Amino acid sequence: MSTVPMFGAVMTLARYEARQIIKRELYAQGIKLAHLESREITIAANRYVDDHPEIITFATEQYHDFVKRGILKAPKERRNHVNE
C-alpha cells in the first residue's frame, strides 16, 4: 500500500488518538472538558502530534490493522487523466 493515499487517514487517526491523550491528561489534572473550547483541545492535540512523531507510526499500524479487519477500506488506485 502506498503511503500517499492513506496519509489523510493516518493523520486523522493520529489526531484522534492525540485528542484522546490530551483529554485524559486534562481529566487527570481535574480540568473539566466542558470548560474548554474544542479549539483549545485541537491545538493541544496538533502540538502533541508534532512533539510525538511515534504517534504517526502507531496510527499507521492502526490504519493497516483497520484495513485488514475490514473496518476501513483500502484506498483506491488513482488514475492519471491525461488530456489527449
PDB file of N, CA and C in Angstrom:
ATOM      1  N   MET A   1       0.838  -1.192   0.000  1.00  0.00           N
ATOM      2  CA  MET A   1       0.000   0.000   0.000  1.00  0.00           C
ATOM      3  C   MET A   1       0.878   1.248   0.000  1.00  0.00           C
ATOM      4  N   SER A   2       0.509   2.193  -0.789  1.00  0.00           N
ATOM      5  CA  SER A   2       1.252   3.433  -0.873  1.00  0.00           C
ATOM      6  C   SER A   2       0.928   4.312   0.333  1.00  0.00           C
ATOM      7  N   THR A   3       1.911   5.101   0.773  1.00  0.00           N
ATOM      8  CA  THR A   3       1.671   5.967   1.923  1.00  0.00           C
ATOM      9  C   THR A   3       0.944   7.244   1.537  1.00  0.00           C
ATOM     10  N   VAL A   4       0.989   7.633   0.274  1.00  0.00           N
ATOM     11  CA  VAL A   4       0.365   8.891  -0.123  1.00  0.00           C
ATOM     12  C   VAL A   4      -1.152   8.860   0.020  1.00  0.00           C
ATOM     13  N   PRO A   5      -1.876   7.864  -0.549  1.00  0.00           N
ATOM     14  CA  PRO A   5      -3.331   7.890  -0.422  1.00  0.00           C
ATOM     15  C   PRO A   5      -3.829   7.740   1.013  1.00  0.00           C
ATOM     16  N   MET A   6      -3.081   7.021   1.849  1.00  0.00           N
ATOM     17  CA  MET A   6      -3.573   6.803   3.200  1.00  0.00           C
ATOM     18  C   MET A   6      -3.108   7.876   4.175  1.00  0.00           C
ATOM     19  N   PHE A   7      -2.293   8.828   3.731  1.00  0.00           N
ATOM     20  CA  PHE A   7      -1.748   9.816   4.654  1.00  0.00           C
ATOM     21  C   PHE A   7      -2.843  10.570   5.395  1.00  0.00           C
ATOM     22  N   GLY A   8      -3.910  10.939   4.686  1.00  0.00           N
ATOM     23  CA  GLY A   8      -5.009  11.648   5.340  1.00  0.00           C
ATOM     24  C   GLY A   8      -5.667  10.801   6.417  1.00  0.00           C
ATOM     25  N   ALA A   9      -5.884   9.523   6.114  1.00  0.00           N
ATOM     26  CA  ALA A   9      -6.499   8.625   7.095  1.00  0.00           C
ATOM     27  C   ALA A   9      -5.581   8.415   8.292  1.00  0.00           C
ATOM     28  N   VAL A  10      -4.294   8.275   8.035  1.00  0.00           N
ATOM     29  CA  VAL A  10      -3.333   8.082   9.126  1.00  0.00           C
ATOM     30  C   VAL A  10      -3.302   9.314  10.021  1.00  0.00           C
ATOM     31  N   MET A  11      -3.279  10.496   9.422  1.00  0.00           N
ATOM     32  CA  MET A  11      -3.260  11.728  10.223  1.00  0.00           C
ATOM     33  C   MET A  11      -4.558  11.886  11.019  1.00  0.00           C
ATOM     34  N   THR A  12      -5.673  11.485  10.430  1.00  0.00           N
ATOM     35  CA  THR A  12      -6.944  11.541  11.163  1.00  0.00           C
ATOM     36  C   THR A  12      -6.876  10.646  12.397  1.00  0.00           C
ATOM     37  N   LEU A  13      -6.366   9.430  12.229  1.00  0.00           N
ATOM     38  CA  LEU A  13      -6.228   8.515  13.359  1.00  0.00           C
ATOM     39  C   LEU A  13      -5.234   9.053  14.381  1.00  0.00           C
ATOM     40  N   ALA A  14      -4.132   9.626  13.919  1.00  0.00           N
ATOM     41  CA  ALA A  14      -3.124  10.175  14.833  1.00  0.00           C
ATOM     42  C   ALA A  14      -3.705  11.336  15.645  1.00  0.00           C
ATOM     43  N   ARG A  15      -4.424  12.212  14.978  1.00  0.00           N
ATOM     44  CA  ARG A  15      -5.013  13.353  15.687  1.00  0.00           C
ATOM     45  C   ARG A  15      -6.106  12.895  16.658  1.00  0.00           C
ATOM     46  N   TYR A  16      -6.877  11.890  16.257  1.00  0.00           N
ATOM     47  CA  TYR A  16      -7.899  11.349  17.152  1.00  0.00           C
ATOM     48  C   TYR A  16      -7.236  10.811  18.421  1.00  0.00           C
ATOM     49  N   GLU A  17      -6.194  10.010  18.247  1.00  0.00           N
ATOM     50  CA  GLU A  17      -5.500   9.437  19.406  1.00  0.00           C
ATOM     51  C   GLU A  17      -4.889  10.543  20.267  1.00  0.00           C
ATOM     52  N   ALA A  18      -4.314  11.546  19.624  1.00  0.00           N
ATOM     53  CA  ALA A  18      -3.721  12.666  20.361  1.00  0.00           C
ATOM     54  C   ALA A  18      -4.793  13.409  21.163  1.00  0.00           C
ATOM     55  N   ARG A  19      -5.959  13.613  20.574  1.00  0.00           N
ATOM     56  CA  ARG A  19      -7.057  14.274  21.302  1.00  0.00           C
ATOM     57  C   ARG A  19      -7.462  13.462  22.528  1.00  0.00           C
ATOM     58  N   GLN A  20      -7.517  12.133  22.361  1.00  0.00           N
ATOM     59  CA  GLN A  20      -7.883  11.277  23.490  1.00  0.00           C
ATOM     60  C   GLN A  20      -6.835  11.395  24.606  1.00  0.00           C
ATOM     61  N   ILE A  21      -5.570  11.420  24.234  1.00  0.00           N
ATOM     62  CA  ILE A  21      -4.487  11.544  25.214  1.00  0.00           C
ATOM     63  C   ILE A  21      -4.589  12.881  25.939  1.00  0.00           C
ATOM     64  N   ILE A  22      -4.797  13.953  25.187  1.00  0.00           N
ATOM     65  CA  ILE A  22      -4.926  15.286  25.790  1.00  0.00           C
ATOM     66  C   ILE A  22      -6.120  15.322  26.739  1.00  0.00           C
ATOM     67  N   LYS A  23      -7.242  14.756  26.326  1.00  0.00           N
ATOM     68  CA  LYS A  23      -8.432  14.734  27.185  1.00  0.00           C
ATOM     69  C   LYS A  23      -8.163  13.980  28.482  1.00  0.00           C
ATOM     70  N   ARG A  24      -7.468  12.833  28.387  1.00  0.00           N
ATOM     71  CA  ARG A  24      -7.142  12.073  29.610  1.00  0.00           C
ATOM     72  C   ARG A  24      -6.219  12.866  30.529  1.00  0.00           C
ATOM     73  N   GLU A  25      -5.246  13.570  29.929  1.00  0.00           N
ATOM     74  CA  GLU A  25      -4.330  14.385  30.738  1.00  0.00           C
ATOM     75  C   GLU A  25      -5.079  15.513  31.438  1.00  0.00           C
ATOM     76  N   LEU A  26      -5.975  16.165  30.726  1.00  0.00           N
ATOM     77  CA  LEU A  26      -6.760  17.251  31.324  1.00  0.00           C
ATOM     78  C   LEU A  26      -7.647  16.716  32.442  1.00  0.00           C
ATOM     79  N   TYR A  27      -8.291  15.581  32.183  1.00  0.00           N
ATOM     80  CA  TYR A  27      -9.149  14.960  33.190  1.00  0.00           C
ATOM     81  C   TYR A  27      -8.337  14.608  34.441  1.00  0.00           C
ATOM     82  N   ALA A  28      -7.123  14.077  34.243  1.00  0.00           N
ATOM     83  CA  ALA A  28      -6.256  13.713  35.370  1.00  0.00           C
ATOM     84  C   ALA A  28      -5.848  14.941  36.181  1.00  0.00           C
ATOM     85  N   GLN A  29      -5.797  16.097  35.518  1.00  0.00           N
ATOM     86  CA  GLN A  29      -5.466  17.349  36.207  1.00  0.00           C
ATOM     87  C   GLN A  29      -6.689  17.990  36.864  1.00  0.00           C
ATOM     88  N   GLY A  30      -7.845  17.350  36.690  1.00  0.00           N
ATOM     89  CA  GLY A  30      -9.074  17.866  37.291  1.00  0.00           C
ATOM     90  C   GLY A  30      -9.753  18.949  36.467  1.00  0.00           C
ATOM     91  N   ILE A  31      -9.339  19.096  35.230  1.00  0.00           N
ATOM     92  CA  ILE A  31      -9.929  20.108  34.350  1.00  0.00           C
ATOM     93  C   ILE A  31     -11.119  19.488  33.619  1.00  0.00           C
ATOM     94  N   LYS A  32     -12.253  20.148  33.731  1.00  0.00           N
ATOM     95  CA  LYS A  32     -13.453  19.657  33.052  1.00  0.00           C
ATOM     96  C   LYS A  32     -13.429  20.093  31.596  1.00  0.00           C
ATOM     97  N   LEU A  33     -13.647  19.125  30.722  1.00  0.00           N
ATOM     98  CA  LEU A  33     -13.600  19.406  29.292  1.00  0.00           C
ATOM     99  C   LEU A  33     -14.684  20.392  28.870  1.00  0.00           C
ATOM    100  N   ALA A  34     -15.786  20.408  29.585  1.00  0.00           N
ATOM    101  CA  ALA A  34     -16.880  21.319  29.260  1.00  0.00           C
ATOM    102  C   ALA A  34     -16.473  22.781  29.452  1.00  0.00           C
ATOM    103  N   HIS A  35     -15.415  23.009  30.230  1.00  0.00           N
ATOM    104  CA  HIS A  35     -14.951  24.373  30.475  1.00  0.00           C
ATOM    105  C   HIS A  35     -13.946  24.845  29.428  1.00  0.00           C
ATOM    106  N   LEU A  36     -13.631  23.988  28.488  1.00  0.00           N
ATOM    107  CA  LEU A  36     -12.673  24.331  27.438  1.00  0.00           C
ATOM    108  C   LEU A  36     -13.368  24.394  26.088  1.00  0.00           C
ATOM    109  N   GLU A  37     -12.815  25.185  25.203  1.00  0.00           N
ATOM    110  CA  GLU A  37     -13.298  25.201  23.836  1.00  0.00           C
ATOM    111  C   GLU A  37     -12.660  24.031  23.094  1.00  0.00           C
ATOM    112  N   SER A  38     -13.392  23.452  22.179  1.00  0.00           N
ATOM    113  CA  SER A  38     -12.884  22.340  21.386  1.00  0.00           C
ATOM    114  C   SER A  38     -11.598  22.742  20.671  1.00  0.00           C
ATOM    115  N   ARG A  39     -11.541  23.987  20.249  1.00  0.00           N
ATOM    116  CA  ARG A  39     -10.367  24.515  19.554  1.00  0.00           C
ATOM    117  C   ARG A  39      -9.106  24.373  20.404  1.00  0.00           C
ATOM    118  N   GLU A  40      -9.198  24.615  21.711  1.00  0.00           N
ATOM    119  CA  GLU A  40      -8.041  24.505  22.600  1.00  0.00           C
ATOM    120  C   GLU A  40      -7.520  23.066  22.648  1.00  0.00           C
ATOM    121  N   ILE A  41      -8.436  22.109  22.681  1.00  0.00           N
ATOM    122  CA  ILE A  41      -8.055  20.699  22.710  1.00  0.00           C
ATOM    123  C   ILE A  41      -7.413  20.317  21.369  1.00  0.00           C
ATOM    124  N   THR A  42      -7.977  20.827  20.279  1.00  0.00           N
ATOM    125  CA  THR A  42      -7.427  20.539  18.949  1.00  0.00           C
ATOM    126  C   THR A  42      -6.016  21.098  18.812  1.00  0.00           C
ATOM    127  N   ILE A  43      -5.795  22.306  19.265  1.00  0.00           N
ATOM    128  CA  ILE A  43      -4.459  22.913  19.204  1.00  0.00           C
ATOM    129  C   ILE A  43      -3.471  22.085  20.016  1.00  0.00           C
ATOM    130  N   ALA A  44      -3.871  21.685  21.220  1.00  0.00           N
ATOM    131  CA  ALA A  44      -3.002  20.859  22.061  1.00  0.00           C
ATOM    132  C   ALA A  44      -2.734  19.505  21.413  1.00  0.00           C
ATOM    133  N   ALA A  45      -3.739  18.924  20.773  1.00  0.00           N
ATOM    134  CA  ALA A  45      -3.579  17.630  20.103  1.00  0.00           C
ATOM    135  C   ALA A  45      -2.637  17.751  18.912  1.00  0.00           C
ATOM    136  N   ASN A  46      -2.768  18.813  18.133  1.00  0.00           N
ATOM    137  CA  ASN A  46      -1.867  19.026  16.996  1.00  0.00           C
ATOM    138  C   ASN A  46      -0.425  19.214  17.479  1.00  0.00           C
ATOM    139  N   ARG A  47      -0.256  19.936  18.565  1.00  0.00           N
ATOM    140  CA  ARG A  47       1.076  20.119  19.153  1.00  0.00           C
ATOM    141  C   ARG A  47       1.621  18.763  19.624  1.00  0.00           C
ATOM    142  N   TYR A  48       0.743  17.948  20.205  1.00  0.00           N
ATOM    143  CA  TYR A  48       1.153  16.624  20.672  1.00  0.00           C
ATOM    144  C   TYR A  48       1.653  15.769  19.504  1.00  0.00           C
ATOM    145  N   VAL A  49       0.946  15.810  18.377  1.00  0.00           N
ATOM    146  CA  VAL A  49       1.365  15.059  17.192  1.00  0.00           C
ATOM    147  C   VAL A  49       2.730  15.553  16.717  1.00  0.00           C
ATOM    148  N   ASP A  50       2.932  16.867  16.712  1.00  0.00           N
ATOM    149  CA  ASP A  50       4.222  17.432  16.300  1.00  0.00           C
ATOM    150  C   ASP A  50       5.351  17.009  17.240  1.00  0.00           C
ATOM    151  N   ASP A  51       5.060  16.968  18.535  1.00  0.00           N
ATOM    152  CA  ASP A  51       6.080  16.645  19.538  1.00  0.00           C
ATOM    153  C   ASP A  51       6.316  15.149  19.718  1.00  0.00           C
ATOM    154  N   HIS A  52       5.389  14.321  19.266  1.00  0.00           N
ATOM    155  CA  HIS A  52       5.475  12.866  19.442  1.00  0.00           C
ATOM    156  C   HIS A  52       5.272  12.165  18.101  1.00  0.00           C
ATOM    157  N   PRO A  53       6.300  12.166  17.244  1.00  0.00           N
ATOM    158  CA  PRO A  53       6.141  11.559  15.918  1.00  0.00           C
ATOM    159  C   PRO A  53       5.848  10.062  15.968  1.00  0.00           C
ATOM    160  N   GLU A  54       6.104   9.429  17.094  1.00  0.00           N
ATOM    161  CA  GLU A  54       5.806   7.996  17.210  1.00  0.00           C
ATOM    162  C   GLU A  54       4.307   7.721  17.094  1.00  0.00           C
ATOM    163  N   ILE A  55       3.491   8.742  17.318  1.00  0.00           N
ATOM    164  CA  ILE A  55       2.046   8.553  17.190  1.00  0.00           C
ATOM    165  C   ILE A  55       1.664   8.311  15.723  1.00  0.00           C
ATOM    166  N   ILE A  56       2.477   8.821  14.789  1.00  0.00           N
ATOM    167  CA  ILE A  56       2.239   8.569  13.362  1.00  0.00           C
ATOM    168  C   ILE A  56       2.487   7.095  13.065  1.00  0.00           C
ATOM    169  N   THR A  57       3.535   6.543  13.657  1.00  0.00           N
ATOM    170  CA  THR A  57       3.820   5.116  13.489  1.00  0.00           C
ATOM    171  C   THR A  57       2.672   4.285  14.046  1.00  0.00           C
ATOM    172  N   PHE A  58       2.211   4.655  15.227  1.00  0.00           N
ATOM    173  CA  PHE A  58       1.079   3.954  15.846  1.00  0.00           C
ATOM    174  C   PHE A  58      -0.160   4.044  14.952  1.00  0.00           C
ATOM    175  N   ALA A  59      -0.440   5.232  14.443  1.00  0.00           N
ATOM    176  CA  ALA A  59      -1.621   5.430  13.601  1.00  0.00           C
ATOM    177  C   ALA A  59      -1.493   4.655  12.291  1.00  0.00           C
ATOM    178  N   THR A  60      -0.279   4.572  11.748  1.00  0.00           N
ATOM    179  CA  THR A  60      -0.062   3.811  10.513  1.00  0.00           C
ATOM    180  C   THR A  60      -0.351   2.336  10.752  1.00  0.00           C
ATOM    181  N   GLU A  61       0.144   1.813  11.869  1.00  0.00           N
ATOM    182  CA  GLU A  61      -0.122   0.414  12.218  1.00  0.00           C
ATOM    183  C   GLU A  61      -1.617   0.195  12.434  1.00  0.00           C
ATOM    184  N   GLN A  62      -2.250   1.132  13.104  1.00  0.00           N
ATOM    185  CA  GLN A  62      -3.686   1.041  13.352  1.00  0.00           C
ATOM    186  C   GLN A  62      -4.454   1.073  12.030  1.00  0.00           C
ATOM    187  N   TYR A  63      -4.038   1.932  11.114  1.00  0.00           N
ATOM    188  CA  TYR A  63      -4.679   2.032   9.805  1.00  0.00           C
ATOM    189  C   TYR A  63      -4.602   0.687   9.080  1.00  0.00           C
ATOM    190  N   HIS A  64      -3.395   0.102   9.026  1.00  0.00           N
ATOM    191  CA  HIS A  64      -3.229  -1.182   8.341  1.00  0.00           C
ATOM    192  C   HIS A  64      -4.077  -2.270   9.008  1.00  0.00           C
ATOM    193  N   ASP A  65      -4.150  -2.253  10.325  1.00  0.00           N
ATOM    194  CA  ASP A  65      -4.978  -3.216  11.046  1.00  0.00           C
ATOM    195  C   ASP A  65      -6.457  -3.026  10.703  1.00  0.00           C
ATOM    196  N   PHE A  66      -6.905  -1.776  10.655  1.00  0.00           N
ATOM    197  CA  PHE A  66      -8.303  -1.490  10.317  1.00  0.00           C
ATOM    198  C   PHE A  66      -8.640  -1.947   8.908  1.00  0.00           C
ATOM    199  N   VAL A  67      -7.710  -1.744   7.973  1.00  0.00           N
ATOM    200  CA  VAL A  67      -7.937  -2.188   6.588  1.00  0.00           C
ATOM    201  C   VAL A  67      -7.995  -3.710   6.551  1.00  0.00           C
ATOM    202  N   LYS A  68      -7.068  -4.342   7.244  1.00  0.00           N
ATOM    203  CA  LYS A  68      -7.021  -5.811   7.273  1.00  0.00           C
ATOM    204  C   LYS A  68      -8.302  -6.400   7.851  1.00  0.00           C
ATOM    205  N   ARG A  69      -8.840  -5.769   8.900  1.00  0.00           N
ATOM    206  CA  ARG A  69     -10.053  -6.266   9.550  1.00  0.00           C
ATOM    207  C   ARG A  69     -11.327  -5.807   8.855  1.00  0.00           C
ATOM    208  N   GLY A  70     -11.207  -4.975   7.828  1.00  0.00           N
ATOM    209  CA  GLY A  70     -12.369  -4.518   7.088  1.00  0.00           C
ATOM    210  C   GLY A  70     -13.086  -3.334   7.708  1.00  0.00           C
ATOM    211  N   ILE A  71     -12.492  -2.712   8.704  1.00  0.00           N
ATOM    212  CA  ILE A  71     -13.105  -1.543   9.342  1.00  0.00           C
ATOM    213  C   ILE A  71     -13.000  -0.329   8.422  1.00  0.00           C
ATOM    214  N   LEU A  72     -11.861  -0.217   7.742  1.00  0.00           N
ATOM    215  CA  LEU A  72     -11.653   0.823   6.740  1.00  0.00           C
ATOM    216  C   LEU A  72     -11.379   0.159   5.401  1.00  0.00           C
ATOM    217  N   LYS A  73     -11.735   0.840   4.350  1.00  0.00           N
ATOM    218  CA  LYS A  73     -11.441   0.331   3.012  1.00  0.00           C
ATOM    219  C   LYS A  73     -10.053   0.804   2.600  1.00  0.00           C
ATOM    220  N   ALA A  74      -9.370  -0.054   1.860  1.00  0.00           N
ATOM    221  CA  ALA A  74      -8.075   0.334   1.307  1.00  0.00           C
ATOM    222  C   ALA A  74      -8.300   1.434   0.278  1.00  0.00           C
ATOM    223  N   PRO A  75      -7.345   2.348   0.148  1.00  0.00           N
ATOM    224  CA  PRO A  75      -7.535   3.420  -0.830  1.00  0.00           C
ATOM    225  C   PRO A  75      -7.571   2.875  -2.248  1.00  0.00           C
ATOM    226  N   LYS A  76      -8.378   3.497  -3.072  1.00  0.00           N
ATOM    227  CA  LYS A  76      -8.455   3.114  -4.477  1.00  0.00           C
ATOM    228  C   LYS A  76      -7.230   3.660  -5.192  1.00  0.00           C
ATOM    229  N   GLU A  77      -6.807   2.923  -6.188  1.00  0.00           N
ATOM    230  CA  GLU A  77      -5.712   3.409  -7.019  1.00  0.00           C
ATOM    231  C   GLU A  77      -6.239   4.568  -7.850  1.00  0.00           C
ATOM    232  N   ARG A  78      -5.477   5.639  -7.894  1.00  0.00           N
ATOM    233  CA  ARG A  78      -5.886   6.795  -8.679  1.00  0.00           C
ATOM    234  C   ARG A  78      -5.300   6.689 -10.074  1.00  0.00           C
ATOM    235  N   ARG A  79      -6.121   7.005 -11.021  1.00  0.00           N
ATOM    236  CA  ARG A  79      -5.647   7.016 -12.404  1.00  0.00           C
ATOM    237  C   ARG A  79      -5.243   8.434 -12.772  1.00  0.00           C
ATOM    238  N   ASN A  80      -4.185   8.539 -13.530  1.00  0.00           N
ATOM    239  CA  ASN A  80      -3.794   9.837 -14.044  1.00  0.00           C
ATOM    240  C   ASN A  80      -4.572  10.090 -15.320  1.00  0.00           C
ATOM    241  N   HIS A  81      -5.313  11.164 -15.335  1.00  0.00           N
ATOM    242  CA  HIS A  81      -6.071  11.528 -16.528  1.00  0.00           C
ATOM    243  C   HIS A  81      -5.217  12.471 -17.368  1.00  0.00           C
ATOM    244  N   VAL A  82      -4.935  12.032 -18.555  1.00  0.00           N
ATOM    245  CA  VAL A  82      -4.115  12.834 -19.460  1.00  0.00           C
ATOM    246  C   VAL A  82      -4.998  13.273 -20.621  1.00  0.00           C
ATOM    247  N   ASN A  83      -5.030  14.564 -20.833  1.00  0.00           N
ATOM    248  CA  ASN A  83      -5.794  15.083 -21.971  1.00  0.00           C
ATOM    249  C   ASN A  83      -5.027  14.792 -23.247  1.00  0.00           C
ATOM    250  N   GLU A  84      -5.676  14.148 -24.168  1.00  0.00           N
ATOM    251  CA  GLU A  84      -5.019  13.821 -25.435  1.00  0.00           C
ATOM    252  C   GLU A  84      -5.452  14.750 -26.514  1.00  0.00           C
TER     253      GLU A  84
END
